[in-house]
Protein backbone atom coordinates (compact mmCIF):
# COMPACT_ATOMS: atom_id res chain seq x y z
CA MET A 1 16.11 -5.01 -38.73
CA PRO A 2 16.42 -8.18 -36.62
CA ARG A 3 19.76 -9.24 -35.20
CA VAL A 4 21.09 -11.91 -37.57
CA LEU A 5 23.83 -14.41 -36.70
CA LEU A 6 25.55 -16.08 -39.66
CA LEU A 7 27.51 -19.21 -38.73
CA HIS A 8 30.03 -20.75 -41.12
CA ALA A 9 33.11 -22.97 -40.84
CA THR A 10 36.50 -22.47 -42.47
CA VAL A 11 36.64 -25.81 -44.23
CA GLY A 12 37.78 -24.39 -47.53
CA THR A 13 36.63 -20.85 -48.29
CA GLY A 14 33.13 -21.33 -49.69
CA HIS A 15 31.12 -21.44 -46.45
CA LYS A 16 32.66 -18.17 -45.28
CA THR A 17 32.17 -16.56 -48.68
CA ALA A 18 28.47 -17.46 -48.59
CA ALA A 19 28.08 -16.05 -45.08
CA ASN A 20 29.74 -12.77 -46.05
CA ALA A 21 27.55 -12.51 -49.14
CA LEU A 22 24.50 -12.81 -46.90
CA ARG A 23 25.89 -10.22 -44.51
CA LYS A 24 26.18 -7.73 -47.36
CA ALA A 25 22.67 -8.57 -48.57
CA PHE A 26 21.14 -7.95 -45.14
CA GLU A 27 23.09 -4.72 -44.70
CA MET A 28 21.96 -3.51 -48.13
CA ARG A 29 18.34 -3.81 -47.06
CA GLN A 30 18.77 -2.00 -43.76
CA PRO A 31 21.87 -1.42 -41.63
CA GLY A 32 21.66 -3.38 -38.42
CA ASP A 33 23.35 -5.98 -36.30
CA VAL A 34 24.61 -8.81 -38.50
CA GLY A 35 27.30 -11.06 -37.07
CA VAL A 36 29.47 -13.47 -39.06
CA VAL A 37 31.18 -16.09 -36.91
CA ASP A 38 33.43 -19.02 -37.78
CA THR A 39 31.95 -21.93 -35.85
CA LEU A 40 35.42 -23.44 -35.51
CA ASP A 41 36.49 -20.38 -33.50
CA LEU A 42 34.04 -21.59 -30.86
CA THR A 43 35.83 -24.92 -30.54
CA PRO A 44 38.96 -26.01 -28.66
CA SER A 45 42.13 -25.25 -30.63
CA PHE A 46 42.98 -28.91 -31.18
CA PHE A 47 39.57 -29.54 -32.74
CA HIS A 48 39.80 -26.38 -34.87
CA LYS A 49 43.15 -27.38 -36.34
CA THR A 50 42.26 -31.04 -36.76
CA TYR A 51 38.86 -30.47 -38.35
CA SER A 52 39.94 -27.89 -40.92
CA ARG A 53 43.26 -29.57 -41.70
CA ALA A 54 41.86 -33.09 -41.97
CA TYR A 55 39.57 -32.17 -44.85
CA ILE A 56 42.41 -30.64 -46.85
CA ASP A 57 44.83 -33.49 -46.10
CA VAL A 58 42.38 -36.27 -46.91
CA THR A 59 41.03 -34.72 -50.12
CA ASN A 60 44.57 -33.97 -51.34
CA ASN A 61 46.32 -37.16 -50.26
CA ALA A 62 43.58 -39.79 -50.16
CA PRO A 63 40.86 -38.59 -52.56
CA LEU A 64 39.52 -42.10 -53.21
CA ALA A 65 39.08 -42.68 -49.48
CA TRP A 66 37.31 -39.34 -49.13
CA GLY A 67 35.00 -40.07 -52.05
CA LEU A 68 34.10 -43.48 -50.62
CA PHE A 69 33.46 -42.01 -47.16
CA TYR A 70 31.37 -39.16 -48.54
CA LYS A 71 29.16 -41.30 -50.72
CA GLN A 72 28.75 -44.19 -48.27
CA THR A 73 27.80 -41.96 -45.34
CA ASP A 74 25.25 -40.29 -47.58
CA ARG A 75 23.22 -43.27 -48.71
CA ALA A 76 24.25 -46.59 -47.16
CA PRO A 77 21.71 -47.55 -44.42
CA GLU A 78 24.33 -49.52 -42.52
CA LEU A 79 26.36 -46.34 -42.11
CA ALA A 80 23.46 -44.19 -40.88
CA GLU A 81 24.45 -44.87 -37.28
CA LEU A 82 28.04 -43.88 -38.04
CA THR A 83 26.81 -40.62 -39.54
CA ASN A 84 24.72 -39.86 -36.46
CA ASN A 85 27.60 -40.71 -34.14
CA LEU A 86 29.90 -38.41 -36.08
CA ARG A 87 27.41 -35.59 -35.60
CA LYS A 88 27.19 -36.24 -31.87
CA LEU A 89 30.97 -36.44 -31.57
CA MET A 90 31.46 -33.13 -33.34
CA GLU A 91 28.90 -31.53 -31.06
CA SER A 92 30.20 -32.97 -27.78
CA VAL A 93 33.86 -32.07 -28.31
CA SER A 94 33.44 -28.85 -30.17
CA LEU A 95 30.98 -26.04 -29.61
CA VAL A 96 31.94 -25.18 -26.05
CA ASP A 97 31.62 -21.41 -26.58
CA LEU A 98 28.40 -21.40 -28.60
CA GLU A 99 26.23 -20.70 -25.57
CA ASP A 100 28.36 -17.69 -24.64
CA LEU A 101 28.00 -16.36 -28.18
CA LEU A 102 24.22 -16.72 -28.07
CA GLU A 103 24.10 -14.99 -24.70
CA THR A 104 26.26 -12.04 -25.72
CA PHE A 105 25.07 -11.48 -29.30
CA LYS A 106 21.40 -12.28 -28.59
CA PRO A 107 20.46 -13.15 -32.18
CA GLU A 108 16.87 -13.08 -33.35
CA ILE A 109 17.66 -15.18 -36.43
CA ILE A 110 20.40 -17.75 -37.05
CA ILE A 111 21.52 -18.83 -40.52
CA CYS A 112 24.09 -21.62 -40.96
CA THR A 113 26.18 -22.01 -44.12
CA HIS A 114 27.84 -25.12 -42.66
CA PHE A 115 26.18 -28.06 -40.93
CA LEU A 116 28.54 -28.21 -37.93
CA PRO A 117 26.45 -26.10 -35.47
CA LEU A 118 23.03 -27.35 -36.56
CA ASN A 119 22.71 -30.36 -34.25
CA MET A 120 23.50 -28.43 -31.07
CA LEU A 121 21.28 -25.51 -32.05
CA LEU A 122 18.37 -27.83 -32.81
CA ARG A 123 18.80 -29.64 -29.51
CA LYS A 124 18.66 -26.32 -27.68
CA LYS A 125 15.62 -25.35 -29.71
CA ARG A 126 13.78 -28.59 -28.91
CA LYS A 127 14.48 -28.05 -25.21
CA GLY A 128 13.12 -24.51 -25.43
CA ASP A 129 16.47 -22.91 -24.59
CA ILE A 130 16.28 -20.83 -27.75
CA ARG A 131 13.16 -19.67 -29.53
CA LEU A 132 14.18 -18.17 -32.83
CA PRO A 133 14.15 -19.06 -36.53
CA LEU A 134 16.99 -21.35 -37.63
CA TYR A 135 17.86 -21.57 -41.31
CA CYS A 136 20.31 -23.63 -43.35
CA VAL A 137 21.99 -22.59 -46.61
CA VAL A 138 23.38 -25.60 -48.49
CA THR A 139 26.55 -24.49 -50.27
CA ASP A 140 26.83 -27.30 -52.84
CA HIS A 141 24.69 -28.29 -55.79
CA ALA A 142 23.51 -31.58 -54.27
CA VAL A 143 22.36 -32.59 -50.79
CA HIS A 144 24.37 -34.83 -48.46
CA THR A 145 22.94 -36.45 -45.32
CA PHE A 146 25.11 -34.20 -43.16
CA TRP A 147 22.84 -31.29 -44.13
CA VAL A 148 19.53 -33.01 -43.35
CA TYR A 149 17.74 -31.85 -40.17
CA PRO A 150 13.92 -32.09 -40.22
CA ASP A 151 13.31 -29.48 -37.50
CA ILE A 152 14.97 -26.54 -39.26
CA ASP A 153 12.71 -23.58 -40.03
CA GLY A 154 13.92 -23.16 -43.59
CA TYR A 155 16.32 -24.44 -46.23
CA PHE A 156 17.86 -22.44 -49.07
CA VAL A 157 19.14 -24.55 -51.95
CA ALA A 158 20.56 -24.11 -55.42
CA SER A 159 18.05 -26.00 -57.54
CA ALA A 160 14.70 -27.76 -57.79
CA MET A 161 16.60 -31.06 -57.88
CA MET A 162 17.97 -30.34 -54.42
CA ARG A 163 14.50 -29.54 -53.16
CA GLU A 164 13.40 -32.98 -54.33
CA GLN A 165 16.41 -34.57 -52.64
CA LEU A 166 15.43 -32.98 -49.34
CA VAL A 167 11.78 -33.96 -49.75
CA GLU A 168 12.85 -37.58 -50.35
CA ARG A 169 14.64 -37.42 -46.99
CA GLY A 170 11.63 -36.22 -45.07
CA ILE A 171 11.91 -32.43 -45.27
CA SER A 172 8.65 -30.57 -45.94
CA SER A 173 8.67 -28.85 -49.32
CA ASN A 174 6.99 -25.85 -47.65
CA ILE A 175 10.21 -24.83 -45.93
CA ILE A 176 12.55 -25.34 -48.91
CA HIS A 177 13.37 -22.26 -50.97
CA VAL A 178 15.14 -22.55 -54.33
CA THR A 179 17.20 -19.37 -54.35
CA GLY A 180 20.65 -20.38 -55.50
CA ILE A 181 23.82 -20.34 -53.43
CA PRO A 182 24.49 -16.83 -52.07
CA VAL A 183 27.18 -14.91 -53.95
CA ASP A 184 28.43 -11.37 -53.40
CA PRO A 185 25.54 -9.01 -54.21
CA GLN A 186 27.76 -6.90 -56.45
CA ILE A 187 27.79 -9.79 -58.94
CA ALA A 188 24.17 -8.88 -59.71
CA THR A 189 25.43 -5.61 -61.22
CA PRO A 190 26.26 -6.09 -64.93
CA LYS A 191 29.83 -5.47 -66.06
CA ASP A 192 30.88 -4.57 -69.58
CA LYS A 193 33.39 -7.18 -70.75
CA SER A 194 35.48 -4.77 -72.82
CA ALA A 195 35.59 -2.15 -70.08
CA VAL A 196 36.70 -4.70 -67.49
CA ARG A 197 39.46 -5.91 -69.80
CA VAL A 198 40.73 -2.39 -70.35
CA GLN A 199 40.63 -1.74 -66.60
CA HIS A 200 43.02 -4.64 -66.02
CA ASP A 201 45.19 -4.02 -69.09
CA LEU A 202 43.87 -7.07 -70.90
CA PRO A 203 43.23 -7.16 -74.67
CA ARG A 204 39.95 -5.42 -75.38
CA GLU A 205 39.04 -7.88 -78.13
CA GLY A 206 39.72 -11.53 -78.81
CA PHE A 207 39.25 -14.83 -77.03
CA LEU A 208 40.22 -14.83 -73.35
CA ILE A 209 40.35 -17.91 -71.15
CA THR A 210 41.07 -17.82 -67.41
CA LEU A 211 42.57 -20.72 -65.49
CA PHE A 212 42.05 -20.64 -61.73
CA ALA A 213 44.89 -22.79 -60.41
CA GLY A 214 43.74 -23.11 -56.80
CA GLY A 215 43.42 -26.74 -55.76
CA ILE A 216 44.91 -28.10 -59.01
CA GLN A 217 48.27 -29.86 -58.96
CA ASN A 218 51.11 -27.70 -60.31
CA GLU A 219 52.12 -30.28 -62.88
CA ARG A 220 48.62 -30.36 -64.32
CA VAL A 221 48.41 -26.57 -64.45
CA ARG A 222 51.73 -26.40 -66.32
CA GLY A 223 50.58 -29.09 -68.73
CA ILE A 224 47.26 -27.38 -69.47
CA ALA A 225 48.89 -23.97 -69.94
CA ASN A 226 51.67 -25.37 -72.13
CA SER A 227 49.24 -27.18 -74.42
CA ILE A 228 46.98 -24.13 -74.81
CA LEU A 229 49.96 -21.90 -75.54
CA LYS A 230 51.21 -24.34 -78.19
CA SER A 231 47.95 -24.08 -80.12
CA ASN A 232 47.80 -22.02 -83.30
CA HIS A 233 44.98 -19.86 -82.02
CA ARG A 234 45.22 -16.23 -81.10
CA GLY A 235 43.91 -15.02 -77.80
CA THR A 236 44.88 -14.62 -74.17
CA LEU A 237 45.38 -17.14 -71.41
CA VAL A 238 45.06 -15.68 -67.91
CA LEU A 239 46.49 -17.72 -65.05
CA ALA A 240 45.33 -16.89 -61.54
CA ALA A 241 48.05 -18.65 -59.56
CA GLY A 242 47.17 -17.34 -56.12
CA ARG A 243 50.07 -17.29 -53.70
CA ASN A 244 52.01 -19.86 -55.74
CA GLU A 245 54.74 -17.56 -57.13
CA THR A 246 56.86 -20.45 -58.41
CA LEU A 247 54.00 -21.78 -60.53
CA GLY A 248 53.38 -18.32 -61.96
CA ASP A 249 57.02 -17.92 -63.01
CA GLU A 250 57.12 -21.39 -64.56
CA VAL A 251 54.00 -20.83 -66.65
CA ARG A 252 55.10 -17.35 -67.70
CA ASN A 253 58.23 -18.88 -69.21
CA LEU A 254 56.14 -21.19 -71.42
CA GLN A 255 55.02 -18.36 -73.71
CA ARG A 256 58.11 -18.27 -75.93
CA GLY A 257 57.06 -18.74 -79.55
CA SER A 258 53.33 -18.90 -78.77
CA THR A 259 50.68 -17.08 -80.77
CA MET A 260 48.72 -16.81 -77.51
CA ASP A 261 49.39 -14.05 -75.03
CA ILE A 262 49.62 -14.96 -71.35
CA ARG A 263 48.97 -12.93 -68.22
CA VAL A 264 49.86 -14.32 -64.81
CA TYR A 265 48.40 -13.02 -61.56
CA GLY A 266 49.26 -13.96 -58.02
CA TYR A 267 46.83 -13.40 -55.18
CA ILE A 268 44.11 -11.02 -56.41
CA ASN A 269 40.98 -9.34 -55.12
CA PHE A 270 39.29 -9.04 -58.52
CA VAL A 271 38.26 -12.62 -59.26
CA ASP A 272 34.83 -11.45 -60.39
CA ASP A 273 36.40 -9.06 -62.88
CA LEU A 274 38.38 -11.91 -64.43
CA VAL A 275 35.23 -14.01 -64.68
CA ALA A 276 33.36 -11.12 -66.33
CA ALA A 277 36.26 -10.55 -68.74
CA SER A 278 36.54 -14.21 -69.77
CA ASP A 279 34.93 -16.17 -72.56
CA VAL A 280 35.43 -19.38 -70.59
CA VAL A 281 36.88 -20.26 -67.17
CA ILE A 282 38.84 -23.40 -66.24
CA THR A 283 38.37 -24.25 -62.57
CA LYS A 284 37.74 -26.80 -59.88
CA ALA A 285 34.12 -27.38 -58.87
CA GLY A 286 33.69 -25.81 -55.46
CA GLY A 287 30.07 -24.88 -54.81
CA LEU A 288 30.79 -21.16 -54.41
CA ILE A 289 33.20 -20.63 -57.30
CA VAL A 290 30.83 -22.50 -59.61
CA SER A 291 27.93 -20.31 -58.42
CA GLU A 292 29.96 -17.10 -58.84
CA ILE A 293 30.96 -18.00 -62.40
CA LEU A 294 27.44 -19.03 -63.38
CA ALA A 295 26.07 -15.82 -61.85
CA ARG A 296 28.20 -13.92 -64.39
CA GLY A 297 26.92 -16.12 -67.22
CA THR A 298 30.40 -17.39 -68.08
CA PRO A 299 30.85 -20.99 -69.30
CA LEU A 300 33.07 -23.38 -67.34
CA ILE A 301 35.54 -26.13 -68.04
CA VAL A 302 35.61 -28.17 -64.84
CA ILE A 303 38.68 -30.27 -64.05
CA ASP A 304 39.87 -32.39 -61.13
CA PRO A 305 36.68 -32.30 -59.02
CA ILE A 306 37.12 -33.68 -55.52
CA LEU A 307 35.34 -37.02 -55.33
CA GLY A 308 31.95 -36.56 -53.73
CA HIS A 309 30.55 -33.04 -53.49
CA GLU A 310 32.66 -31.49 -56.27
CA GLU A 311 31.73 -34.34 -58.60
CA TRP A 312 28.09 -33.50 -57.96
CA ASN A 313 28.76 -29.79 -58.52
CA ALA A 314 30.42 -30.64 -61.83
CA ASP A 315 27.43 -32.78 -62.81
CA TYR A 316 25.18 -29.81 -62.14
CA VAL A 317 27.20 -27.57 -64.47
CA VAL A 318 27.09 -30.14 -67.26
CA CYS A 319 23.39 -30.90 -66.81
CA GLN A 320 22.58 -27.19 -67.02
CA GLY A 321 24.40 -26.96 -70.35
CA ALA A 322 26.69 -24.36 -68.77
CA GLY A 323 30.02 -26.10 -69.16
CA VAL A 324 32.02 -29.24 -69.79
CA GLN A 325 33.79 -31.57 -67.39
CA VAL A 326 37.05 -33.24 -68.41
CA ARG A 327 38.88 -35.86 -66.39
CA MET A 328 42.22 -35.75 -68.22
CA SER A 329 44.12 -32.48 -68.20
CA GLU A 330 45.41 -33.42 -71.67
CA SER A 331 41.82 -33.04 -72.92
CA VAL A 332 41.55 -29.38 -71.92
CA PRO A 333 43.46 -27.86 -74.87
CA ILE A 334 41.55 -30.13 -77.28
CA LEU A 335 38.31 -28.87 -75.78
CA VAL A 336 39.46 -25.25 -75.99
CA ASP A 337 40.40 -25.81 -79.62
CA ASN A 338 36.92 -27.17 -80.38
CA LEU A 339 35.22 -24.28 -78.58
CA LEU A 340 37.20 -21.83 -80.71
CA ARG A 341 36.37 -23.71 -83.89
CA HIS A 342 32.68 -23.97 -83.00
CA PRO A 343 31.57 -20.59 -81.63
CA ILE A 344 27.93 -21.69 -81.74
CA TRP A 345 28.72 -24.36 -79.13
CA LEU A 346 30.44 -21.78 -76.93
CA ASP A 347 27.44 -19.48 -77.30
CA GLU A 348 25.09 -22.29 -76.24
CA LEU A 349 27.22 -22.90 -73.14
CA ARG A 350 27.06 -19.19 -72.40
CA LYS A 351 23.28 -19.27 -72.63
CA GLY A 352 23.23 -22.26 -70.29
CA ALA A 353 25.39 -20.41 -67.78
CA VAL A 354 23.14 -17.34 -67.89
CA ALA A 355 20.06 -19.51 -67.35
CA ALA A 356 21.65 -21.40 -64.44
CA GLY A 357 23.17 -18.38 -62.72
CA LYS A 358 21.45 -16.83 -59.72
CA PRO A 359 23.26 -13.54 -59.07
CA ARG A 360 20.60 -12.30 -56.62
CA ALA A 361 20.58 -15.39 -54.40
CA ALA A 362 21.90 -13.57 -51.32
CA GLN A 363 19.38 -10.74 -51.70
CA ASP A 364 16.54 -13.20 -52.22
CA ILE A 365 17.48 -15.17 -49.10
CA ALA A 366 17.69 -12.01 -47.01
CA GLY A 367 14.29 -10.91 -48.30
CA ILE A 368 12.60 -14.21 -47.47
CA VAL A 369 14.11 -14.35 -43.98
CA ILE A 370 13.11 -10.79 -43.10
CA GLN A 371 9.63 -11.23 -44.55
CA GLN A 372 9.05 -14.38 -42.49
CA PHE A 373 10.43 -12.72 -39.37
CA SER A 374 8.15 -9.71 -39.82
CA GLY A 375 5.16 -12.00 -40.33
CA GLN A 376 5.84 -13.80 -37.05
CA ARG A 377 5.99 -10.67 -34.89
């Protein structure tokens, strides 16, 4: 098998998750040399800290400013030069160790799940310094200008709509592959809902809703959980609180007098099991978590999307008939109540999620890349 270099960037967790999913997919086909590298590890420490921290700080503390920046740099012609200058700046101050990596690892194929290294790699390719296939995996459900590079050998995108977006921006349709966003290959293996529930000591029967609290303000999580627990329905609310122990304790104390059961988890390594066990999942709209949930055919309730890319991800879920987006946390328990009262609606959302999910995306990408590489030799 060819030597494959997978480049991501730890801006959130999704880009790394996609890269690791691809690593597993390549290794499933044939063990070989597959490297997964955080592009930010190739940058000076000040840039690494600033770049990864700035995204979190701005989206948390100035979401309106982030949304304006994201949308304006995507479409406004007067900001095209700013976008290009930002790319050049990131390249000039950042990837000082990329050449050493290329020299030592000697990849035969490079796949990027973040746009940061693309400009430098393409410049080296145009100069003839590297002669190998360069691919891009877009990890959201819509295309932003930051991802658009006409000289790439291949794009892997989540939907036909994204293919059209790239074509509108000058990318040849011949190099665009609609595969889905790569998720862990094990998600392609069916799981029995009842068996998974028993495995994690959850009720074998009955309605089960999981709330992934990551990225959602504590106050909003408490409000959503409290309202659901105050309903007259029977079922189970699962809260995945991550490393936020205080939040978990606070929500656990809300159960008194409720007809709903509650289970609270801290940091876990069985997210996929919870998704498979759930009738519906409440979550933010990161490109990877949305893809993982859809790949299991589980409907979503999307709340608090980050302005810009997460808004677009949420739109994708709604347009596929795979979930509902709510802007007010107070609306979530009302929505849950309606889903319980109208099981046909919930079943339609489940069908939409199954249709939209692409559990074999990573395997399909690996297959296309290896097939093209073999055809070029």
